[in-house]
Structures are given as structure tokens and as C-alpha cells.
PDB file of all heavy atoms in Angstrom:
ATOM      1  N   TYR A   1     -88.435-107.134-224.153  1.00  0.00           N
ATOM      2  CA  TYR A   1     -87.979-107.999-223.065  1.00  0.00           C
ATOM      3  C   TYR A   1     -86.430-108.076-223.103  1.00  0.00           C
ATOM      4  O   TYR A   1     -85.849-108.437-224.103  1.00  0.00           O
ATOM      5  CB  TYR A   1     -88.562-109.405-223.260  1.00  0.00           C
ATOM      6  CG  TYR A   1     -88.296-110.385-222.121  1.00  0.00           C
ATOM      7  CD1 TYR A   1     -88.944-110.243-220.924  1.00  0.00           C
ATOM      8  CD2 TYR A   1     -87.376-111.406-222.309  1.00  0.00           C
ATOM      9  CE1 TYR A   1     -88.698-111.170-219.904  1.00  0.00           C
ATOM     10  CE2 TYR A   1     -87.141-112.321-221.286  1.00  0.00           C
ATOM     11  CZ  TYR A   1     -87.816-112.191-220.090  1.00  0.00           C
ATOM     12  OH  TYR A   1     -87.581-113.069-219.067  1.00  0.00           O
ATOM     13  N   CYS A   2     -85.825-107.688-222.010  1.00  0.00           N
ATOM     14  CA  CYS A   2     -84.371-107.687-221.915  1.00  0.00           C
ATOM     15  C   CYS A   2     -83.908-108.777-220.981  1.00  0.00           C
ATOM     16  O   CYS A   2     -84.525-109.033-219.940  1.00  0.00           O
ATOM     17  CB  CYS A   2     -83.850-106.344-221.404  1.00  0.00           C
ATOM     18  SG  CYS A   2     -84.261-104.950-222.475  1.00  0.00           S
ATOM     19  N   THR A   3     -82.854-109.465-221.334  1.00  0.00           N
ATOM     20  CA  THR A   3     -82.315-110.505-220.483  1.00  0.00           C
ATOM     21  C   THR A   3     -80.855-110.220-220.220  1.00  0.00           C
ATOM     22  O   THR A   3     -80.138-109.653-221.052  1.00  0.00           O
ATOM     23  CB  THR A   3     -82.407-111.884-221.153  1.00  0.00           C
ATOM     24  OG1 THR A   3     -81.727-111.864-222.411  1.00  0.00           O
ATOM     25  CG2 THR A   3     -83.885-112.244-221.417  1.00  0.00           C
ATOM     26  N   LEU A   4     -80.414-110.609-219.042  1.00  0.00           N
ATOM     27  CA  LEU A   4     -79.012-110.512-218.740  1.00  0.00           C
ATOM     28  C   LEU A   4     -78.295-111.713-219.327  1.00  0.00           C
ATOM     29  O   LEU A   4     -78.933-112.729-219.656  1.00  0.00           O
ATOM     30  CB  LEU A   4     -78.819-110.526-217.207  1.00  0.00           C
ATOM     31  CG  LEU A   4     -79.428-109.328-216.458  1.00  0.00           C
ATOM     32  CD1 LEU A   4     -79.296-109.531-214.946  1.00  0.00           C
ATOM     33  CD2 LEU A   4     -78.797-108.031-216.911  1.00  0.00           C
ATOM     34  N   PRO A   5     -76.982-111.647-219.542  1.00  0.00           N
ATOM     35  CA  PRO A   5     -76.277-112.788-220.093  1.00  0.00           C
ATOM     36  C   PRO A   5     -76.523-114.053-219.286  1.00  0.00           C
ATOM     37  O   PRO A   5     -76.408-114.051-218.061  1.00  0.00           O
ATOM     38  CB  PRO A   5     -74.798-112.332-220.036  1.00  0.00           C
ATOM     39  CG  PRO A   5     -74.866-110.847-220.082  1.00  0.00           C
ATOM     40  CD  PRO A   5     -76.101-110.478-219.313  1.00  0.00           C
ATOM     41  N   HIS A   6     -76.892-115.120-219.978  1.00  0.00           N
ATOM     42  CA  HIS A   6     -77.114-116.431-219.383  1.00  0.00           C
ATOM     43  C   HIS A   6     -78.324-116.490-218.468  1.00  0.00           C
ATOM     44  O   HIS A   6     -78.505-117.473-217.711  1.00  0.00           O
ATOM     45  CB  HIS A   6     -75.852-116.909-218.611  1.00  0.00           C
ATOM     46  CG  HIS A   6     -74.582-116.766-219.354  1.00  0.00           C
ATOM     47  ND1 HIS A   6     -74.450-117.132-220.675  1.00  0.00           N
ATOM     48  CD2 HIS A   6     -73.395-116.249-218.978  1.00  0.00           C
ATOM     49  CE1 HIS A   6     -73.221-116.876-221.086  1.00  0.00           C
ATOM     50  NE2 HIS A   6     -72.556-116.316-220.092  1.00  0.00           N
ATOM     51  N   SER A   7     -79.193-115.474-218.481  1.00  0.00           N
ATOM     52  CA  SER A   7     -80.399-115.492-217.675  1.00  0.00           C
ATOM     53  C   SER A   7     -81.470-116.308-218.431  1.00  0.00           C
ATOM     54  O   SER A   7     -81.451-116.365-219.675  1.00  0.00           O
ATOM     55  CB  SER A   7     -80.902-114.114-217.372  1.00  0.00           C
ATOM     56  OG  SER A   7     -81.238-113.430-218.553  1.00  0.00           O
ATOM     57  N   PRO A   8     -82.418-116.911-217.706  1.00  0.00           N
ATOM     58  CA  PRO A   8     -83.473-117.707-218.380  1.00  0.00           C
ATOM     59  C   PRO A   8     -84.325-116.867-219.287  1.00  0.00           C
ATOM     60  O   PRO A   8     -84.553-115.685-219.054  1.00  0.00           O
ATOM     61  CB  PRO A   8     -84.284-118.253-217.197  1.00  0.00           C
ATOM     62  CG  PRO A   8     -83.384-118.190-216.018  1.00  0.00           C
ATOM     63  CD  PRO A   8     -82.509-116.972-216.246  1.00  0.00           C
ATOM     64  N   ILE A   9     -84.839-117.481-220.347  1.00  0.00           N
ATOM     65  CA  ILE A   9     -85.770-116.834-221.269  1.00  0.00           C
ATOM     66  C   ILE A   9     -87.169-117.271-220.895  1.00  0.00           C
ATOM     67  O   ILE A   9     -87.457-118.475-220.764  1.00  0.00           O
ATOM     68  CB  ILE A   9     -85.457-117.250-222.728  1.00  0.00           C
ATOM     69  CG1 ILE A   9     -84.176-116.579-223.218  1.00  0.00           C
ATOM     70  CG2 ILE A   9     -86.640-116.886-223.633  1.00  0.00           C
ATOM     71  CD1 ILE A   9     -83.803-116.947-224.608  1.00  0.00           C
ATOM     72  N   ASN A  10     -88.033-116.290-220.683  1.00  0.00           N
ATOM     73  CA  ASN A  10     -89.395-116.573-220.314  1.00  0.00           C
ATOM     74  C   ASN A  10     -90.148-117.099-221.536  1.00  0.00           C
ATOM     75  O   ASN A  10     -90.226-116.438-222.560  1.00  0.00           O
ATOM     76  CB  ASN A  10     -90.110-115.330-219.793  1.00  0.00           C
ATOM     77  CG  ASN A  10     -91.516-115.634-219.278  1.00  0.00           C
ATOM     78  OD1 ASN A  10     -92.422-115.703-220.055  1.00  0.00           O
ATOM     79  ND2 ASN A  10     -91.636-115.800-217.970  1.00  0.00           N
ATOM     80  N   VAL A  11     -90.671-118.332-221.421  1.00  0.00           N
ATOM     81  CA  VAL A  11     -91.311-118.959-222.570  1.00  0.00           C
ATOM     82  C   VAL A  11     -92.583-118.229-223.008  1.00  0.00           C
ATOM     83  O   VAL A  11     -92.936-118.243-224.163  1.00  0.00           O
ATOM     84  CB  VAL A  11     -91.609-120.442-222.275  1.00  0.00           C
ATOM     85  CG1 VAL A  11     -92.786-120.579-221.317  1.00  0.00           C
ATOM     86  CG2 VAL A  11     -91.871-121.217-223.540  1.00  0.00           C
ATOM     87  N   GLY A  12     -93.229-117.538-222.058  1.00  0.00           N
ATOM     88  CA  GLY A  12     -94.435-116.763-222.414  1.00  0.00           C
ATOM     89  C   GLY A  12     -94.109-115.617-223.320  1.00  0.00           C
ATOM     90  O   GLY A  12     -94.822-115.324-224.286  1.00  0.00           O
ATOM     91  N   VAL A  13     -92.971-114.946-223.069  1.00  0.00           N
ATOM     92  CA  VAL A  13     -92.560-113.840-223.926  1.00  0.00           C
ATOM     93  C   VAL A  13     -92.100-114.401-225.286  1.00  0.00           C
ATOM     94  O   VAL A  13     -92.403-113.796-226.331  1.00  0.00           O
ATOM     95  CB  VAL A  13     -91.401-113.063-223.262  1.00  0.00           C
ATOM     96  CG1 VAL A  13     -90.909-111.955-224.188  1.00  0.00           C
ATOM     97  CG2 VAL A  13     -91.826-112.470-221.950  1.00  0.00           C
ATOM     98  N   LEU A  14     -91.431-115.549-225.295  1.00  0.00           N
ATOM     99  CA  LEU A  14     -91.005-116.160-226.542  1.00  0.00           C
ATOM    100  C   LEU A  14     -92.232-116.504-227.412  1.00  0.00           C
ATOM    101  O   LEU A  14     -92.251-116.237-228.613  1.00  0.00           O
ATOM    102  CB  LEU A  14     -90.183-117.403-226.277  1.00  0.00           C
ATOM    103  CG  LEU A  14     -89.738-118.205-227.496  1.00  0.00           C
ATOM    104  CD1 LEU A  14     -88.865-117.349-228.420  1.00  0.00           C
ATOM    105  CD2 LEU A  14     -88.990-119.465-227.063  1.00  0.00           C
ATOM    106  N   ILE A  15     -93.213-117.115-226.795  1.00  0.00           N
ATOM    107  CA  ILE A  15     -94.438-117.440-227.532  1.00  0.00           C
ATOM    108  C   ILE A  15     -95.097-116.182-228.074  1.00  0.00           C
ATOM    109  O   ILE A  15     -95.523-116.150-229.246  1.00  0.00           O
ATOM    110  CB  ILE A  15     -95.437-118.217-226.621  1.00  0.00           C
ATOM    111  CG1 ILE A  15     -94.865-119.585-226.236  1.00  0.00           C
ATOM    112  CG2 ILE A  15     -96.794-118.356-227.294  1.00  0.00           C
ATOM    113  CD1 ILE A  15     -95.651-120.305-225.171  1.00  0.00           C
ATOM    114  N   THR A  16     -95.146-115.155-227.254  1.00  0.00           N
ATOM    115  CA  THR A  16     -95.766-113.883-227.663  1.00  0.00           C
ATOM    116  C   THR A  16     -95.001-113.278-228.859  1.00  0.00           C
ATOM    117  O   THR A  16     -95.647-112.764-229.797  1.00  0.00           O
ATOM    118  CB  THR A  16     -95.780-112.864-226.490  1.00  0.00           C
ATOM    119  OG1 THR A  16     -96.509-113.440-225.413  1.00  0.00           O
ATOM    120  CG2 THR A  16     -96.425-111.551-226.909  1.00  0.00           C
ATOM    121  N   GLU A  17     -93.681-113.373-228.837  1.00  0.00           N
ATOM    122  CA  GLU A  17     -92.910-112.887-229.986  1.00  0.00           C
ATOM    123  C   GLU A  17     -93.310-113.634-231.253  1.00  0.00           C
ATOM    124  O   GLU A  17     -93.532-113.006-232.304  1.00  0.00           O
ATOM    125  CB  GLU A  17     -91.415-113.107-229.703  1.00  0.00           C
ATOM    126  CG  GLU A  17     -90.770-112.049-228.868  1.00  0.00           C
ATOM    127  CD  GLU A  17     -89.250-112.174-228.892  1.00  0.00           C
ATOM    128  OE1 GLU A  17     -88.712-113.113-229.476  1.00  0.00           O
ATOM    129  OE2 GLU A  17     -88.607-111.275-228.322  1.00  0.00           O
ATOM    130  N   ILE A  18     -93.352-114.933-231.164  1.00  0.00           N
ATOM    131  CA  ILE A  18     -93.678-115.757-232.361  1.00  0.00           C
ATOM    132  C   ILE A  18     -95.059-115.406-232.883  1.00  0.00           C
ATOM    133  O   ILE A  18     -95.255-115.226-234.097  1.00  0.00           O
ATOM    134  CB  ILE A  18     -93.548-117.245-232.065  1.00  0.00           C
ATOM    135  CG1 ILE A  18     -92.133-117.608-231.633  1.00  0.00           C
ATOM    136  CG2 ILE A  18     -93.967-118.070-233.281  1.00  0.00           C
ATOM    137  CD1 ILE A  18     -91.975-119.022-231.121  1.00  0.00           C
ATOM    138  N   LEU A  19     -96.011-115.284-231.987  1.00  0.00           N
ATOM    139  CA  LEU A  19     -97.386-114.970-232.395  1.00  0.00           C
ATOM    140  C   LEU A  19     -97.460-113.585-232.998  1.00  0.00           C
ATOM    141  O   LEU A  19     -98.162-113.392-234.016  1.00  0.00           O
ATOM    142  CB  LEU A  19     -98.324-115.068-231.208  1.00  0.00           C
ATOM    143  CG  LEU A  19     -98.428-116.407-230.471  1.00  0.00           C
ATOM    144  CD1 LEU A  19     -99.537-116.370-229.402  1.00  0.00           C
ATOM    145  CD2 LEU A  19     -98.702-117.556-231.449  1.00  0.00           C
ATOM    146  N   ASN A  20     -96.784-112.623-232.440  1.00  0.00           N
ATOM    147  CA  ASN A  20     -96.789-111.255-232.979  1.00  0.00           C
ATOM    148  C   ASN A  20     -96.211-111.194-234.369  1.00  0.00           C
ATOM    149  O   ASN A  20     -96.745-110.508-235.273  1.00  0.00           O
ATOM    150  CB  ASN A  20     -96.028-110.305-232.054  1.00  0.00           C
ATOM    151  CG  ASN A  20     -96.773-109.997-230.780  1.00  0.00           C
ATOM    152  OD1 ASN A  20     -97.989-110.247-230.675  1.00  0.00           O
ATOM    153  ND2 ASN A  20     -96.089-109.475-229.795  1.00  0.00           N
ATOM    154  N   VAL A  21     -95.118-111.927-234.591  1.00  0.00           N
ATOM    155  CA  VAL A  21     -94.494-111.922-235.926  1.00  0.00           C
ATOM    156  C   VAL A  21     -95.396-112.606-236.929  1.00  0.00           C
ATOM    157  O   VAL A  21     -95.579-112.128-238.055  1.00  0.00           O
ATOM    158  CB  VAL A  21     -93.135-112.633-235.870  1.00  0.00           C
ATOM    159  CG1 VAL A  21     -92.547-112.812-237.263  1.00  0.00           C
ATOM    160  CG2 VAL A  21     -92.151-111.826-235.003  1.00  0.00           C
ATOM    161  N   ALA A  22     -96.019-113.725-236.560  1.00  0.00           N
ATOM    162  CA  ALA A  22     -96.904-114.447-237.448  1.00  0.00           C
ATOM    163  C   ALA A  22     -98.141-113.592-237.763  1.00  0.00           C
ATOM    164  O   ALA A  22     -98.606-113.553-238.914  1.00  0.00           O
ATOM    165  CB  ALA A  22     -97.331-115.787-236.847  1.00  0.00           C
ATOM    166  N   ARG A  23     -98.653-112.923-236.767  1.00  0.00           N
ATOM    167  CA  ARG A  23     -99.837-112.070-236.944  1.00  0.00           C
ATOM    168  C   ARG A  23     -99.505-110.914-237.915  1.00  0.00           C
ATOM    169  O   ARG A  23    -100.296-110.603-238.826  1.00  0.00           O
ATOM    170  CB  ARG A  23    -100.276-111.509-235.605  1.00  0.00           C
ATOM    171  CG  ARG A  23    -101.630-110.807-235.614  1.00  0.00           C
ATOM    172  CD  ARG A  23    -101.987-110.250-234.236  1.00  0.00           C
ATOM    173  NE  ARG A  23    -102.293-111.308-233.304  1.00  0.00           N
ATOM    174  CZ  ARG A  23    -101.548-111.629-232.249  1.00  0.00           C
ATOM    175  NH1 ARG A  23    -100.391-110.969-232.034  1.00  0.00           N
ATOM    176  NH2 ARG A  23    -101.908-112.552-231.409  1.00  0.00           N
ATOM    177  N   GLN A  24     -98.362-110.314-237.746  1.00  0.00           N
ATOM    178  CA  GLN A  24     -97.971-109.201-238.629  1.00  0.00           C
ATOM    179  C   GLN A  24     -97.701-109.692-240.022  1.00  0.00           C
ATOM    180  O   GLN A  24     -98.037-109.002-241.022  1.00  0.00           O
ATOM    181  CB  GLN A  24     -96.732-108.498-238.063  1.00  0.00           C
ATOM    182  CG  GLN A  24     -96.319-107.239-238.768  1.00  0.00           C
ATOM    183  CD  GLN A  24     -97.348-106.110-238.583  1.00  0.00           C
ATOM    184  OE1 GLN A  24     -98.088-106.092-237.607  1.00  0.00           O
ATOM    185  NE2 GLN A  24     -97.405-105.197-239.542  1.00  0.00           N
ATOM    186  N   PHE A  25     -97.107-110.871-240.136  1.00  0.00           N
ATOM    187  CA  PHE A  25     -96.864-111.465-241.468  1.00  0.00           C
ATOM    188  C   PHE A  25     -98.170-111.632-242.193  1.00  0.00           C
ATOM    189  O   PHE A  25     -98.297-111.336-243.388  1.00  0.00           O
ATOM    190  CB  PHE A  25     -96.134-112.777-241.321  1.00  0.00           C
ATOM    191  CG  PHE A  25     -96.009-113.561-242.601  1.00  0.00           C
ATOM    192  CD1 PHE A  25     -95.162-113.148-243.606  1.00  0.00           C
ATOM    193  CD2 PHE A  25     -96.761-114.712-242.806  1.00  0.00           C
ATOM    194  CE1 PHE A  25     -95.044-113.854-244.798  1.00  0.00           C
ATOM    195  CE2 PHE A  25     -96.672-115.421-243.991  1.00  0.00           C
ATOM    196  CZ  PHE A  25     -95.808-115.020-244.986  1.00  0.00           C
ATOM    197  N   TYR A  26     -99.193-112.140-241.511  1.00  0.00           N
ATOM    198  CA  TYR A  26    -100.504-112.360-242.134  1.00  0.00           C
ATOM    199  C   TYR A  26    -101.091-111.032-242.607  1.00  0.00           C
ATOM    200  O   TYR A  26    -101.600-110.942-243.744  1.00  0.00           O
ATOM    201  CB  TYR A  26    -101.447-113.027-241.174  1.00  0.00           C
ATOM    202  CG  TYR A  26    -102.815-113.311-241.723  1.00  0.00           C
ATOM    203  CD1 TYR A  26    -103.069-114.505-242.403  1.00  0.00           C
ATOM    204  CD2 TYR A  26    -103.849-112.365-241.640  1.00  0.00           C
ATOM    205  CE1 TYR A  26    -104.339-114.745-242.934  1.00  0.00           C
ATOM    206  CE2 TYR A  26    -105.087-112.605-242.195  1.00  0.00           C
ATOM    207  CZ  TYR A  26    -105.320-113.802-242.839  1.00  0.00           C
ATOM    208  OH  TYR A  26    -106.579-114.021-243.378  1.00  0.00           O
ATOM    209  N   SER A  27    -100.989-110.004-241.782  1.00  0.00           N
ATOM    210  CA  SER A  27    -101.613-108.726-242.114  1.00  0.00           C
ATOM    211  C   SER A  27    -100.982-108.083-243.325  1.00  0.00           C
ATOM    212  O   SER A  27    -101.642-107.326-244.075  1.00  0.00           O
ATOM    213  CB  SER A  27    -101.559-107.766-240.911  1.00  0.00           C
ATOM    214  OG  SER A  27    -100.206-107.352-240.700  1.00  0.00           O
ATOM    215  N   GLU A  28     -99.698-108.378-243.610  1.00  0.00           N
ATOM    216  CA  GLU A  28     -99.009-107.774-244.732  1.00  0.00           C
ATOM    217  C   GLU A  28     -98.999-108.691-245.970  1.00  0.00           C
ATOM    218  O   GLU A  28     -98.452-108.303-247.003  1.00  0.00           O
ATOM    219  CB  GLU A  28     -97.563-107.435-244.341  1.00  0.00           C
ATOM    220  CG  GLU A  28     -97.431-106.348-243.322  1.00  0.00           C
ATOM    221  CD  GLU A  28     -96.032-105.837-243.161  1.00  0.00           C
ATOM    222  OE1 GLU A  28     -95.124-106.336-243.853  1.00  0.00           O
ATOM    223  OE2 GLU A  28     -95.797-104.936-242.343  1.00  0.00           O
ATOM    224  N   SER A  29     -99.582-109.849-245.842  1.00  0.00           N
ATOM    225  CA  SER A  29     -99.552-110.807-246.951  1.00  0.00           C
ATOM    226  C   SER A  29    -100.632-110.500-248.000  1.00  0.00           C
ATOM    227  O   SER A  29    -101.633-109.866-247.678  1.00  0.00           O
ATOM    228  CB  SER A  29     -99.749-112.226-246.452  1.00  0.00           C
ATOM    229  OG  SER A  29     -98.621-112.637-245.664  1.00  0.00           O
ATOM    230  N   GLY A  30    -100.403-110.980-249.216  1.00  0.00           N
ATOM    231  CA  GLY A  30    -101.366-110.814-250.265  1.00  0.00           C
ATOM    232  C   GLY A  30    -102.493-111.836-250.134  1.00  0.00           C
ATOM    233  O   GLY A  30    -102.470-112.720-249.282  1.00  0.00           O
ATOM    234  N   ALA A  31    -103.463-111.737-251.047  1.00  0.00           N
ATOM    235  CA  ALA A  31    -104.650-112.598-250.994  1.00  0.00           C
ATOM    236  C   ALA A  31    -104.325-114.066-251.110  1.00  0.00           C
ATOM    237  O   ALA A  31    -104.887-114.889-250.387  1.00  0.00           O
ATOM    238  CB  ALA A  31    -105.653-112.176-252.079  1.00  0.00           C
ATOM    239  N   SER A  32    -103.419-114.447-251.991  1.00  0.00           N
ATOM    240  CA  SER A  32    -103.118-115.856-252.208  1.00  0.00           C
ATOM    241  C   SER A  32    -102.395-116.460-250.990  1.00  0.00           C
ATOM    242  O   SER A  32    -102.671-117.589-250.605  1.00  0.00           O
ATOM    243  CB  SER A  32    -102.234-116.032-253.455  1.00  0.00           C
ATOM    244  OG  SER A  32    -101.016-115.341-253.323  1.00  0.00           O
ATOM    245  N   THR A  33    -101.513-115.683-250.366  1.00  0.00           N
ATOM    246  CA  THR A  33    -100.812-116.157-249.160  1.00  0.00           C
ATOM    247  C   THR A  33    -101.799-116.302-248.012  1.00  0.00           C
ATOM    248  O   THR A  33    -101.760-117.280-247.253  1.00  0.00           O
ATOM    249  CB  THR A  33     -99.663-115.215-248.798  1.00  0.00           C
ATOM    250  OG1 THR A  33     -98.741-115.157-249.865  1.00  0.00           O
ATOM    251  CG2 THR A  33     -98.938-115.719-247.529  1.00  0.00           C
ATOM    252  N   LYS A  34    -102.666-115.346-247.868  1.00  0.00           N
ATOM    253  CA  LYS A  34    -103.700-115.425-246.793  1.00  0.00           C
ATOM    254  C   LYS A  34    -104.605-116.635-247.024  1.00  0.00           C
ATOM    255  O   LYS A  34    -104.996-117.304-246.062  1.00  0.00           O
ATOM    256  CB  LYS A  34    -104.521-114.146-246.765  1.00  0.00           C
ATOM    257  CG  LYS A  34    -103.795-112.972-246.170  1.00  0.00           C
ATOM    258  CD  LYS A  34    -104.671-111.723-246.113  1.00  0.00           C
ATOM    259  CE  LYS A  34    -103.953-110.565-245.426  1.00  0.00           C
ATOM    260  NZ  LYS A  34    -104.764-109.338-245.432  1.00  0.00           N
ATOM    261  N   ALA A  35    -104.927-116.899-248.291  1.00  0.00           N
ATOM    262  CA  ALA A  35    -105.781-118.082-248.587  1.00  0.00           C
ATOM    263  C   ALA A  35    -105.077-119.358-248.164  1.00  0.00           C
ATOM    264  O   ALA A  35    -105.713-120.288-247.664  1.00  0.00           O
ATOM    265  CB  ALA A  35    -106.127-118.089-250.068  1.00  0.00           C
ATOM    266  N   PHE A  36    -103.770-119.420-248.394  1.00  0.00           N
ATOM    267  CA  PHE A  36    -102.989-120.605-247.986  1.00  0.00           C
ATOM    268  C   PHE A  36    -103.022-120.699-246.472  1.00  0.00           C
ATOM    269  O   PHE A  36    -103.269-121.795-245.918  1.00  0.00           O
ATOM    270  CB  PHE A  36    -101.567-120.479-248.484  1.00  0.00           C
ATOM    271  CG  PHE A  36    -100.683-121.616-248.048  1.00  0.00           C
ATOM    272  CD1 PHE A  36    -100.523-122.767-248.843  1.00  0.00           C
ATOM    273  CD2 PHE A  36    -100.036-121.585-246.837  1.00  0.00           C
ATOM    274  CE1 PHE A  36     -99.742-123.806-248.426  1.00  0.00           C
ATOM    275  CE2 PHE A  36     -99.229-122.633-246.404  1.00  0.00           C
ATOM    276  CZ  PHE A  36     -99.087-123.765-247.212  1.00  0.00           C
ATOM    277  N   LEU A  37    -102.738-119.607-245.772  1.00  0.00           N
ATOM    278  CA  LEU A  37    -102.679-119.638-244.311  1.00  0.00           C
ATOM    279  C   LEU A  37    -104.038-119.977-243.681  1.00  0.00           C
ATOM    280  O   LEU A  37    -104.089-120.658-242.655  1.00  0.00           O
ATOM    281  CB  LEU A  37    -102.193-118.290-243.794  1.00  0.00           C
ATOM    282  CG  LEU A  37    -100.754-117.922-244.117  1.00  0.00           C
ATOM    283  CD1 LEU A  37    -100.460-116.461-243.746  1.00  0.00           C
ATOM    284  CD2 LEU A  37     -99.782-118.868-243.434  1.00  0.00           C
TER     285      LEU A  37
END
């Protein structure tokens, strides 16, 4: 997602970014971290 300077940030894309990072973090985590999550 590319934005021009001072253009609005689409909250749907922002949410998707956060979810993708959290999902990838979980997939790469060890057993104890996954148990915590």
C-alpha cells in the first residue's frame, strides 16, 4: 500500500498489516510462546 505525502491512511490496510505481522510472528514462534499466545 503506497500513500502520497499527507494522504489519508486506510484503516483497513493498517489493520491487515497488524494482523499479518501477528500471524507471521505466531507461525515462527516456539512452543512456549505459542502456548502463551
